[in-house]
Amino acid sequence: MAADLMAVVWMHTFGPWLDHSSRLTSTATLGGHHLIVMTSAGIGFSMLAALAILTEGFTKSDAKLAMATNVACVISVIALAGLIASVLVALLSRVIFGKLRP
C-alpha cells in the first residue's frame, strides 16, 4: 500500500518528466503513460485500504474478499511494474559496471 501511495505522488510530481526525458526513464511510466500508472496505483491503494478494513487487517476473509484482495494486488503490481523494472536495471548496471566512483 505504501508503494502505491508513493507511486501516485511520484507520478503526479515527476510523471511528465519521466515520460519525455528518455526511453530509460519512460520505463518507470510503462512507456510514457504516467496517468495510467498514477490512476492504477490510486485504485490499487484505495482497494487495499478498503479491504484492510473489511477483512480486519487481512486476517478474516471469505471467497469474495479473497478474490477482491487478489485483484487489488494484481492492480498494484501492474502499477509498480515500471518502477520495479527501473530498479532492476539500476541494480544490474551496478553489478555489471561495479563502482562508478574511483
PDB file of N, CA and C in Angstrom:
ATOM      1  N   MET A   1       0.822  -1.184   0.000  1.00  0.00           N
ATOM      2  CA  MET A   1       0.000   0.000   0.000  1.00  0.00           C
ATOM      3  C   MET A   1       0.865   1.246   0.000  1.00  0.00           C
ATOM      4  N   ALA A   2       1.965   1.207   0.744  1.00  0.00           N
ATOM      5  CA  ALA A   2       2.848   2.367   0.788  1.00  0.00           C
ATOM      6  C   ALA A   2       3.482   2.630  -0.579  1.00  0.00           C
ATOM      7  N   ALA A   3       3.837   1.576  -1.293  1.00  0.00           N
ATOM      8  CA  ALA A   3       4.421   1.739  -2.624  1.00  0.00           C
ATOM      9  C   ALA A   3       3.406   2.321  -3.600  1.00  0.00           C
ATOM     10  N   ASP A   4       2.144   1.947  -3.468  1.00  0.00           N
ATOM     11  CA  ASP A   4       1.101   2.529  -4.319  1.00  0.00           C
ATOM     12  C   ASP A   4       0.964   4.026  -4.060  1.00  0.00           C
ATOM     13  N   LEU A   5       0.942   4.395  -2.806  1.00  0.00           N
ATOM     14  CA  LEU A   5       0.818   5.808  -2.462  1.00  0.00           C
ATOM     15  C   LEU A   5       2.039   6.586  -2.946  1.00  0.00           C
ATOM     16  N   MET A   6       3.217   5.995  -2.798  1.00  0.00           N
ATOM     17  CA  MET A   6       4.435   6.634  -3.279  1.00  0.00           C
ATOM     18  C   MET A   6       4.398   6.798  -4.792  1.00  0.00           C
ATOM     19  N   ALA A   7       3.885   5.800  -5.498  1.00  0.00           N
ATOM     20  CA  ALA A   7       3.797   5.874  -6.956  1.00  0.00           C
ATOM     21  C   ALA A   7       2.844   6.985  -7.396  1.00  0.00           C
ATOM     22  N   VAL A   8       1.746   7.171  -6.676  1.00  0.00           N
ATOM     23  CA  VAL A   8       0.810   8.252  -7.019  1.00  0.00           C
ATOM     24  C   VAL A   8       1.498   9.605  -6.876  1.00  0.00           C
ATOM     25  N   VAL A   9       2.210   9.797  -5.787  1.00  0.00           N
ATOM     26  CA  VAL A   9       2.887  11.075  -5.554  1.00  0.00           C
ATOM     27  C   VAL A   9       3.985  11.306  -6.595  1.00  0.00           C
ATOM     28  N   TRP A  10       4.793  10.280  -6.868  1.00  0.00           N
ATOM     29  CA  TRP A  10       5.872  10.424  -7.845  1.00  0.00           C
ATOM     30  C   TRP A  10       5.337  10.675  -9.244  1.00  0.00           C
ATOM     31  N   MET A  11       4.299   9.977  -9.635  1.00  0.00           N
ATOM     32  CA  MET A  11       3.753  10.173 -10.977  1.00  0.00           C
ATOM     33  C   MET A  11       3.092  11.542 -11.114  1.00  0.00           C
ATOM     34  N   HIS A  12       2.497  12.032 -10.048  1.00  0.00           N
ATOM     35  CA  HIS A  12       1.914  13.368 -10.097  1.00  0.00           C
ATOM     36  C   HIS A  12       3.015  14.428 -10.201  1.00  0.00           C
ATOM     37  N   THR A  13       4.110  14.215  -9.477  1.00  0.00           N
ATOM     38  CA  THR A  13       5.182  15.195  -9.438  1.00  0.00           C
ATOM     39  C   THR A  13       6.107  15.097 -10.645  1.00  0.00           C
ATOM     40  N   PHE A  14       6.601  13.891 -10.933  1.00  0.00           N
ATOM     41  CA  PHE A  14       7.634  13.713 -11.954  1.00  0.00           C
ATOM     42  C   PHE A  14       7.171  12.959 -13.192  1.00  0.00           C
ATOM     43  N   GLY A  15       5.912  12.611 -13.276  1.00  0.00           N
ATOM     44  CA  GLY A  15       5.418  11.802 -14.379  1.00  0.00           C
ATOM     45  C   GLY A  15       5.674  12.367 -15.763  1.00  0.00           C
ATOM     46  N   PRO A  16       5.317  13.629 -16.020  1.00  0.00           N
ATOM     47  CA  PRO A  16       5.571  14.167 -17.365  1.00  0.00           C
ATOM     48  C   PRO A  16       7.054  14.189 -17.725  1.00  0.00           C
ATOM     49  N   TRP A  17       7.899  14.492 -16.742  1.00  0.00           N
ATOM     50  CA  TRP A  17       9.339  14.494 -17.000  1.00  0.00           C
ATOM     51  C   TRP A  17       9.827  13.080 -17.305  1.00  0.00           C
ATOM     52  N   LEU A  18       9.365  12.098 -16.545  1.00  0.00           N
ATOM     53  CA  LEU A  18       9.760  10.712 -16.793  1.00  0.00           C
ATOM     54  C   LEU A  18       9.290  10.239 -18.168  1.00  0.00           C
ATOM     55  N   ASP A  19       8.119  10.703 -18.599  1.00  0.00           N
ATOM     56  CA  ASP A  19       7.591  10.324 -19.905  1.00  0.00           C
ATOM     57  C   ASP A  19       8.482  10.801 -21.048  1.00  0.00           C
ATOM     58  N   HIS A  20       8.955  12.033 -20.953  1.00  0.00           N
ATOM     59  CA  HIS A  20       9.597  12.668 -22.097  1.00  0.00           C
ATOM     60  C   HIS A  20      11.107  12.835 -21.973  1.00  0.00           C
ATOM     61  N   SER A  21      11.685  12.492 -20.846  1.00  0.00           N
ATOM     62  CA  SER A  21      13.117  12.701 -20.663  1.00  0.00           C
ATOM     63  C   SER A  21      13.950  11.761 -21.528  1.00  0.00           C
ATOM     64  N   SER A  22      13.698  10.475 -21.427  1.00  0.00           N
ATOM     65  CA  SER A  22      14.410   9.497 -22.259  1.00  0.00           C
ATOM     66  C   SER A  22      13.624   8.190 -22.260  1.00  0.00           C
ATOM     67  N   ARG A  23      14.090   7.269 -23.099  1.00  0.00           N
ATOM     68  CA  ARG A  23      13.414   5.969 -23.143  1.00  0.00           C
ATOM     69  C   ARG A  23      13.635   5.191 -21.858  1.00  0.00           C
ATOM     70  N   LEU A  24      14.785   5.377 -21.230  1.00  0.00           N
ATOM     71  CA  LEU A  24      15.071   4.670 -19.980  1.00  0.00           C
ATOM     72  C   LEU A  24      14.158   5.156 -18.859  1.00  0.00           C
ATOM     73  N   THR A  25      13.976   6.463 -18.747  1.00  0.00           N
ATOM     74  CA  THR A  25      13.103   6.962 -17.682  1.00  0.00           C
ATOM     75  C   THR A  25      11.634   6.691 -17.972  1.00  0.00           C
ATOM     76  N   SER A  26      11.279   6.549 -19.250  1.00  0.00           N
ATOM     77  CA  SER A  26       9.874   6.245 -19.553  1.00  0.00           C
ATOM     78  C   SER A  26       9.519   4.808 -19.190  1.00  0.00           C
ATOM     79  N   THR A  27      10.515   4.002 -18.854  1.00  0.00           N
ATOM     80  CA  THR A  27      10.242   2.647 -18.364  1.00  0.00           C
ATOM     81  C   THR A  27       9.448   2.700 -17.063  1.00  0.00           C
ATOM     82  N   ALA A  28       9.755   3.674 -16.214  1.00  0.00           N
ATOM     83  CA  ALA A  28       9.056   3.801 -14.933  1.00  0.00           C
ATOM     84  C   ALA A  28       7.580   4.134 -15.120  1.00  0.00           C
ATOM     85  N   THR A  29       7.242   4.717 -16.269  1.00  0.00           N
ATOM     86  CA  THR A  29       5.852   5.078 -16.528  1.00  0.00           C
ATOM     87  C   THR A  29       5.208   4.144 -17.550  1.00  0.00           C
ATOM     88  N   LEU A  30       5.751   2.954 -17.677  1.00  0.00           N
ATOM     89  CA  LEU A  30       5.242   1.934 -18.591  1.00  0.00           C
ATOM     90  C   LEU A  30       5.170   2.447 -20.028  1.00  0.00           C
ATOM     91  N   GLY A  31       6.254   3.066 -20.461  1.00  0.00           N
ATOM     92  CA  GLY A  31       6.357   3.520 -21.841  1.00  0.00           C
ATOM     93  C   GLY A  31       5.753   4.883 -22.091  1.00  0.00           C
ATOM     94  N   GLY A  32       5.723   5.731 -21.090  1.00  0.00           N
ATOM     95  CA  GLY A  32       5.221   7.085 -21.286  1.00  0.00           C
ATOM     96  C   GLY A  32       3.760   7.278 -20.954  1.00  0.00           C
ATOM     97  N   HIS A  33       3.233   6.506 -20.041  1.00  0.00           N
ATOM     98  CA  HIS A  33       1.818   6.603 -19.664  1.00  0.00           C
ATOM     99  C   HIS A  33       1.691   6.856 -18.160  1.00  0.00           C
ATOM    100  N   HIS A  34       2.195   7.994 -17.711  1.00  0.00           N
ATOM    101  CA  HIS A  34       2.203   8.253 -16.275  1.00  0.00           C
ATOM    102  C   HIS A  34       0.802   8.411 -15.693  1.00  0.00           C
ATOM    103  N   LEU A  35      -0.152   8.869 -16.462  1.00  0.00           N
ATOM    104  CA  LEU A  35      -1.517   8.998 -15.939  1.00  0.00           C
ATOM    105  C   LEU A  35      -2.150   7.631 -15.672  1.00  0.00           C
ATOM    106  N   ILE A  36      -1.856   6.671 -16.533  1.00  0.00           N
ATOM    107  CA  ILE A  36      -2.373   5.314 -16.314  1.00  0.00           C
ATOM    108  C   ILE A  36      -1.739   4.702 -15.077  1.00  0.00           C
ATOM    109  N   VAL A  37      -0.425   4.902 -14.917  1.00  0.00           N
ATOM    110  CA  VAL A  37       0.274   4.377 -13.739  1.00  0.00           C
ATOM    111  C   VAL A  37      -0.270   5.031 -12.475  1.00  0.00           C
ATOM    112  N   MET A  38      -0.446   6.343 -12.518  1.00  0.00           N
ATOM    113  CA  MET A  38      -0.948   7.064 -11.346  1.00  0.00           C
ATOM    114  C   MET A  38      -2.367   6.612 -10.995  1.00  0.00           C
ATOM    115  N   THR A  39      -3.218   6.443 -11.989  1.00  0.00           N
ATOM    116  CA  THR A  39      -4.598   6.020 -11.746  1.00  0.00           C
ATOM    117  C   THR A  39      -4.662   4.596 -11.205  1.00  0.00           C
ATOM    118  N   SER A  40      -3.903   3.690 -11.809  1.00  0.00           N
ATOM    119  CA  SER A  40      -3.950   2.306 -11.337  1.00  0.00           C
ATOM    120  C   SER A  40      -3.335   2.169  -9.948  1.00  0.00           C
ATOM    121  N   ALA A  41      -2.309   2.946  -9.643  1.00  0.00           N
ATOM    122  CA  ALA A  41      -1.751   2.908  -8.283  1.00  0.00           C
ATOM    123  C   ALA A  41      -2.752   3.455  -7.274  1.00  0.00           C
ATOM    124  N   GLY A  42      -3.480   4.487  -7.646  1.00  0.00           N
ATOM    125  CA  GLY A  42      -4.509   5.026  -6.758  1.00  0.00           C
ATOM    126  C   GLY A  42      -5.648   4.042  -6.541  1.00  0.00           C
ATOM    127  N   ILE A  43      -6.046   3.360  -7.604  1.00  0.00           N
ATOM    128  CA  ILE A  43      -7.109   2.349  -7.479  1.00  0.00           C
ATOM    129  C   ILE A  43      -6.630   1.195  -6.606  1.00  0.00           C
ATOM    130  N   GLY A  44      -5.406   0.734  -6.833  1.00  0.00           N
ATOM    131  CA  GLY A  44      -4.861  -0.353  -6.018  1.00  0.00           C
ATOM    132  C   GLY A  44      -4.771   0.024  -4.555  1.00  0.00           C
ATOM    133  N   PHE A  45      -4.303   1.243  -4.274  1.00  0.00           N
ATOM    134  CA  PHE A  45      -4.223   1.708  -2.887  1.00  0.00           C
ATOM    135  C   PHE A  45      -5.601   1.790  -2.253  1.00  0.00           C
ATOM    136  N   SER A  46      -6.563   2.363  -2.971  1.00  0.00           N
ATOM    137  CA  SER A  46      -7.920   2.510  -2.429  1.00  0.00           C
ATOM    138  C   SER A  46      -8.563   1.155  -2.141  1.00  0.00           C
ATOM    139  N   MET A  47      -8.389   0.222  -3.081  1.00  0.00           N
ATOM    140  CA  MET A  47      -8.958  -1.112  -2.875  1.00  0.00           C
ATOM    141  C   MET A  47      -8.328  -1.807  -1.678  1.00  0.00           C
ATOM    142  N   LEU A  48      -6.993  -1.729  -1.572  1.00  0.00           N
ATOM    143  CA  LEU A  48      -6.323  -2.388  -0.451  1.00  0.00           C
ATOM    144  C   LEU A  48      -6.679  -1.737   0.881  1.00  0.00           C
ATOM    145  N   ALA A  49      -6.826  -0.417   0.900  1.00  0.00           N
ATOM    146  CA  ALA A  49      -7.217   0.266   2.134  1.00  0.00           C
ATOM    147  C   ALA A  49      -8.624  -0.147   2.565  1.00  0.00           C
ATOM    148  N   ALA A  50      -9.555  -0.211   1.615  1.00  0.00           N
ATOM    149  CA  ALA A  50     -10.924  -0.630   1.948  1.00  0.00           C
ATOM    150  C   ALA A  50     -10.954  -2.089   2.379  1.00  0.00           C
ATOM    151  N   LEU A  51     -10.184  -2.922   1.683  1.00  0.00           N
ATOM    152  CA  LEU A  51     -10.170  -4.344   2.042  1.00  0.00           C
ATOM    153  C   LEU A  51      -9.492  -4.598   3.381  1.00  0.00           C
ATOM    154  N   ALA A  52      -8.549  -3.757   3.756  1.00  0.00           N
ATOM    155  CA  ALA A  52      -7.930  -3.910   5.072  1.00  0.00           C
ATOM    156  C   ALA A  52      -8.953  -3.696   6.178  1.00  0.00           C
ATOM    157  N   ILE A  53      -9.863  -2.776   5.958  1.00  0.00           N
ATOM    158  CA  ILE A  53     -10.915  -2.534   6.949  1.00  0.00           C
ATOM    159  C   ILE A  53     -11.923  -3.683   6.943  1.00  0.00           C
ATOM    160  N   LEU A  54     -12.344  -4.102   5.756  1.00  0.00           N
ATOM    161  CA  LEU A  54     -13.357  -5.156   5.651  1.00  0.00           C
ATOM    162  C   LEU A  54     -12.867  -6.511   6.157  1.00  0.00           C
ATOM    163  N   THR A  55     -11.574  -6.791   5.997  1.00  0.00           N
ATOM    164  CA  THR A  55     -11.040  -8.090   6.401  1.00  0.00           C
ATOM    165  C   THR A  55     -10.346  -8.040   7.756  1.00  0.00           C
ATOM    166  N   GLU A  56     -10.532  -6.930   8.467  1.00  0.00           N
ATOM    167  CA  GLU A  56      -9.918  -6.748   9.788  1.00  0.00           C
ATOM    168  C   GLU A  56      -8.415  -6.952   9.726  1.00  0.00           C
ATOM    169  N   GLY A  57      -7.782  -6.183   8.865  1.00  0.00           N
ATOM    170  CA  GLY A  57      -6.325  -6.266   8.731  1.00  0.00           C
ATOM    171  C   GLY A  57      -5.872  -7.496   7.971  1.00  0.00           C
ATOM    172  N   PHE A  58      -6.659  -7.953   7.035  1.00  0.00           N
ATOM    173  CA  PHE A  58      -6.380  -9.130   6.207  1.00  0.00           C
ATOM    174  C   PHE A  58      -6.267 -10.418   7.026  1.00  0.00           C
ATOM    175  N   THR A  59      -6.961 -10.475   8.160  1.00  0.00           N
ATOM    176  CA  THR A  59      -6.925 -11.688   8.979  1.00  0.00           C
ATOM    177  C   THR A  59      -8.169 -12.555   8.795  1.00  0.00           C
ATOM    178  N   LYS A  60      -9.293 -11.955   8.445  1.00  0.00           N
ATOM    179  CA  LYS A  60     -10.532 -12.709   8.246  1.00  0.00           C
ATOM    180  C   LYS A  60     -11.034 -12.437   6.840  1.00  0.00           C
ATOM    181  N   SER A  61     -11.419 -13.497   6.155  1.00  0.00           N
ATOM    182  CA  SER A  61     -11.831 -13.315   4.777  1.00  0.00           C
ATOM    183  C   SER A  61     -12.776 -14.433   4.352  1.00  0.00           C
ATOM    184  N   ASP A  62     -13.527 -14.153   3.299  1.00  0.00           N
ATOM    185  CA  ASP A  62     -14.304 -15.190   2.644  1.00  0.00           C
ATOM    186  C   ASP A  62     -13.864 -15.218   1.179  1.00  0.00           C
ATOM    187  N   ALA A  63     -14.545 -15.972   0.372  1.00  0.00           N
ATOM    188  CA  ALA A  63     -14.110 -16.161  -1.019  1.00  0.00           C
ATOM    189  C   ALA A  63     -14.151 -14.853  -1.812  1.00  0.00           C
ATOM    190  N   LYS A  64     -15.195 -14.063  -1.630  1.00  0.00           N
ATOM    191  CA  LYS A  64     -15.316 -12.813  -2.384  1.00  0.00           C
ATOM    192  C   LYS A  64     -14.256 -11.797  -1.968  1.00  0.00           C
ATOM    193  N   LEU A  65     -14.002 -11.680  -0.661  1.00  0.00           N
ATOM    194  CA  LEU A  65     -12.989 -10.750  -0.196  1.00  0.00           C
ATOM    195  C   LEU A  65     -11.585 -11.203  -0.598  1.00  0.00           C
ATOM    196  N   ALA A  66     -11.364 -12.514  -0.611  1.00  0.00           N
ATOM    197  CA  ALA A  66     -10.060 -13.018  -1.050  1.00  0.00           C
ATOM    198  C   ALA A  66      -9.841 -12.722  -2.529  1.00  0.00           C
ATOM    199  N   MET A  67     -10.876 -12.871  -3.338  1.00  0.00           N
ATOM    200  CA  MET A  67     -10.760 -12.559  -4.765  1.00  0.00           C
ATOM    201  C   MET A  67     -10.511 -11.062  -4.968  1.00  0.00           C
ATOM    202  N   ALA A  68     -11.216 -10.232  -4.216  1.00  0.00           N
ATOM    203  CA  ALA A  68     -11.023  -8.786  -4.330  1.00  0.00           C
ATOM    204  C   ALA A  68      -9.614  -8.385  -3.898  1.00  0.00           C
ATOM    205  N   THR A  69      -9.087  -9.035  -2.877  1.00  0.00           N
ATOM    206  CA  THR A  69      -7.714  -8.763  -2.435  1.00  0.00           C
ATOM    207  C   THR A  69      -6.713  -9.154  -3.513  1.00  0.00           C
ATOM    208  N   ASN A  70      -6.930 -10.288  -4.151  1.00  0.00           N
ATOM    209  CA  ASN A  70      -6.042 -10.709  -5.235  1.00  0.00           C
ATOM    210  C   ASN A  70      -6.088  -9.732  -6.404  1.00  0.00           C
ATOM    211  N   VAL A  71      -7.267  -9.257  -6.760  1.00  0.00           N
ATOM    212  CA  VAL A  71      -7.402  -8.289  -7.851  1.00  0.00           C
ATOM    213  C   VAL A  71      -6.683  -6.983  -7.494  1.00  0.00           C
ATOM    214  N   ALA A  72      -6.839  -6.527  -6.257  1.00  0.00           N
ATOM    215  CA  ALA A  72      -6.170  -5.304  -5.824  1.00  0.00           C
ATOM    216  C   ALA A  72      -4.649  -5.459  -5.871  1.00  0.00           C
ATOM    217  N   CYS A  73      -4.156  -6.622  -5.487  1.00  0.00           N
ATOM    218  CA  CYS A  73      -2.713  -6.866  -5.531  1.00  0.00           C
ATOM    219  C   CYS A  73      -2.196  -6.902  -6.966  1.00  0.00           C
ATOM    220  N   VAL A  74      -2.954  -7.480  -7.874  1.00  0.00           N
ATOM    221  CA  VAL A  74      -2.547  -7.519  -9.283  1.00  0.00           C
ATOM    222  C   VAL A  74      -2.515  -6.105  -9.863  1.00  0.00           C
ATOM    223  N   ILE A  75      -3.509  -5.286  -9.535  1.00  0.00           N
ATOM    224  CA  ILE A  75      -3.524  -3.899  -9.998  1.00  0.00           C
ATOM    225  C   ILE A  75      -2.311  -3.149  -9.461  1.00  0.00           C
ATOM    226  N   SER A  76      -1.973  -3.382  -8.206  1.00  0.00           N
ATOM    227  CA  SER A  76      -0.807  -2.725  -7.608  1.00  0.00           C
ATOM    228  C   SER A  76       0.487  -3.153  -8.286  1.00  0.00           C
ATOM    229  N   VAL A  77       0.619  -4.424  -8.565  1.00  0.00           N
ATOM    230  CA  VAL A  77       1.840  -4.919  -9.220  1.00  0.00           C
ATOM    231  C   VAL A  77       1.962  -4.353 -10.626  1.00  0.00           C
ATOM    232  N   ILE A  78       0.858  -4.267 -11.346  1.00  0.00           N
ATOM    233  CA  ILE A  78       0.891  -3.680 -12.689  1.00  0.00           C
ATOM    234  C   ILE A  78       1.313  -2.220 -12.613  1.00  0.00           C
ATOM    235  N   ALA A  79       0.782  -1.487 -11.641  1.00  0.00           N
ATOM    236  CA  ALA A  79       1.130  -0.075 -11.497  1.00  0.00           C
ATOM    237  C   ALA A  79       2.601   0.101 -11.147  1.00  0.00           C
ATOM    238  N   LEU A  80       3.156  -0.822 -10.398  1.00  0.00           N
ATOM    239  CA  LEU A  80       4.539  -0.691  -9.942  1.00  0.00           C
ATOM    240  C   LEU A  80       5.528  -1.438 -10.824  1.00  0.00           C
ATOM    241  N   ALA A  81       5.070  -2.058 -11.904  1.00  0.00           N
ATOM    242  CA  ALA A  81       5.963  -2.846 -12.760  1.00  0.00           C
ATOM    243  C   ALA A  81       7.065  -1.999 -13.375  1.00  0.00           C
ATOM    244  N   GLY A  82       6.744  -0.796 -13.812  1.00  0.00           N
ATOM    245  CA  GLY A  82       7.758   0.073 -14.390  1.00  0.00           C
ATOM    246  C   GLY A  82       8.808   0.486 -13.379  1.00  0.00           C
ATOM    247  N   LEU A  83       8.367   0.789 -12.160  1.00  0.00           N
ATOM    248  CA  LEU A  83       9.315   1.148 -11.110  1.00  0.00           C
ATOM    249  C   LEU A  83      10.205  -0.028 -10.763  1.00  0.00           C
ATOM    250  N   ILE A  84       9.622  -1.212 -10.675  1.00  0.00           N
ATOM    251  CA  ILE A  84      10.407  -2.417 -10.378  1.00  0.00           C
ATOM    252  C   ILE A  84      11.432  -2.661 -11.478  1.00  0.00           C
ATOM    253  N   ALA A  85      11.032  -2.476 -12.742  1.00  0.00           N
ATOM    254  CA  ALA A  85      11.962  -2.647 -13.862  1.00  0.00           C
ATOM    255  C   ALA A  85      13.092  -1.635 -13.794  1.00  0.00           C
ATOM    256  N   SER A  86      12.799  -0.398 -13.431  1.00  0.00           N
ATOM    257  CA  SER A  86      13.836   0.626 -13.322  1.00  0.00           C
ATOM    258  C   SER A  86      14.837   0.290 -12.221  1.00  0.00           C
ATOM    259  N   VAL A  87      14.336  -0.190 -11.103  1.00  0.00           N
ATOM    260  CA  VAL A  87      15.227  -0.573 -10.002  1.00  0.00           C
ATOM    261  C   VAL A  87      16.098  -1.756 -10.407  1.00  0.00           C
ATOM    262  N   LEU A  88      15.513  -2.723 -11.107  1.00  0.00           N
ATOM    263  CA  LEU A  88      16.299  -3.868 -11.560  1.00  0.00           C
ATOM    264  C   LEU A  88      17.374  -3.459 -12.564  1.00  0.00           C
ATOM    265  N   VAL A  89      17.084  -2.515 -13.446  1.00  0.00           N
ATOM    266  CA  VAL A  89      18.091  -2.015 -14.386  1.00  0.00           C
ATOM    267  C   VAL A  89      19.220  -1.334 -13.628  1.00  0.00           C
ATOM    268  N   ALA A  90      18.886  -0.549 -12.622  1.00  0.00           N
ATOM    269  CA  ALA A  90      19.915   0.120 -11.828  1.00  0.00           C
ATOM    270  C   ALA A  90      20.796  -0.888 -11.095  1.00  0.00           C
ATOM    271  N   LEU A  91      20.169  -1.917 -10.535  1.00  0.00           N
ATOM    272  CA  LEU A  91      20.956  -2.934  -9.830  1.00  0.00           C
ATOM    273  C   LEU A  91      21.828  -3.737 -10.792  1.00  0.00           C
ATOM    274  N   LEU A  92      21.287  -4.067 -11.954  1.00  0.00           N
ATOM    275  CA  LEU A  92      22.058  -4.808 -12.942  1.00  0.00           C
ATOM    276  C   LEU A  92      23.234  -3.984 -13.447  1.00  0.00           C
ATOM    277  N   SER A  93      23.031  -2.704 -13.684  1.00  0.00           N
ATOM    278  CA  SER A  93      24.141  -1.868 -14.131  1.00  0.00           C
ATOM    279  C   SER A  93      25.200  -1.749 -13.045  1.00  0.00           C
ATOM    280  N   ARG A  94      24.798  -1.757 -11.800  1.00  0.00           N
ATOM    281  CA  ARG A  94      25.755  -1.725 -10.691  1.00  0.00           C
ATOM    282  C   ARG A  94      26.589  -3.009 -10.668  1.00  0.00           C
ATOM    283  N   VAL A  95      25.953  -4.152 -10.922  1.00  0.00           N
ATOM    284  CA  VAL A  95      26.669  -5.423 -10.942  1.00  0.00           C
ATOM    285  C   VAL A  95      27.622  -5.486 -12.133  1.00  0.00           C
ATOM    286  N   ILE A  96      27.164  -5.040 -13.290  1.00  0.00           N
ATOM    287  CA  ILE A  96      27.990  -5.127 -14.497  1.00  0.00           C
ATOM    288  C   ILE A  96      29.143  -4.130 -14.464  1.00  0.00           C
ATOM    289  N   PHE A  97      28.863  -2.884 -14.099  1.00  0.00           N
ATOM    290  CA  PHE A  97      29.881  -1.842 -14.174  1.00  0.00           C
ATOM    291  C   PHE A  97      30.623  -1.624 -12.872  1.00  0.00           C
ATOM    292  N   GLY A  98      30.128  -2.171 -11.784  1.00  0.00           N
ATOM    293  CA  GLY A  98      30.797  -2.015 -10.499  1.00  0.00           C
ATOM    294  C   GLY A  98      30.651  -0.602  -9.960  1.00  0.00           C
ATOM    295  N   LYS A  99      31.634  -0.194  -9.174  1.00  0.00           N
ATOM    296  CA  LYS A  99      31.605   1.156  -8.608  1.00  0.00           C
ATOM    297  C   LYS A  99      31.805   2.185  -9.716  1.00  0.00           C
ATOM    298  N   LEU A 100      31.059   3.248  -9.670  1.00  0.00           N
ATOM    299  CA  LEU A 100      31.209   4.286 -10.661  1.00  0.00           C
ATOM    300  C   LEU A 100      32.164   5.386 -10.186  1.00  0.00           C
ATOM    301  N   ARG A 101      32.460   5.382  -8.911  1.00  0.00           N
ATOM    302  CA  ARG A 101      33.413   6.363  -8.363  1.00  0.00           C
ATOM    303  C   ARG A 101      34.776   5.692  -8.194  1.00  0.00           C
ATOM    304  N   PRO A 102      35.855   6.460  -8.380  1.00  0.00           N
ATOM    305  CA  PRO A 102      37.196   5.876  -8.188  1.00  0.00           C
ATOM    306  C   PRO A 102      37.535   5.629  -6.730  1.00  0.00           C
TER     307      PRO A 102
END
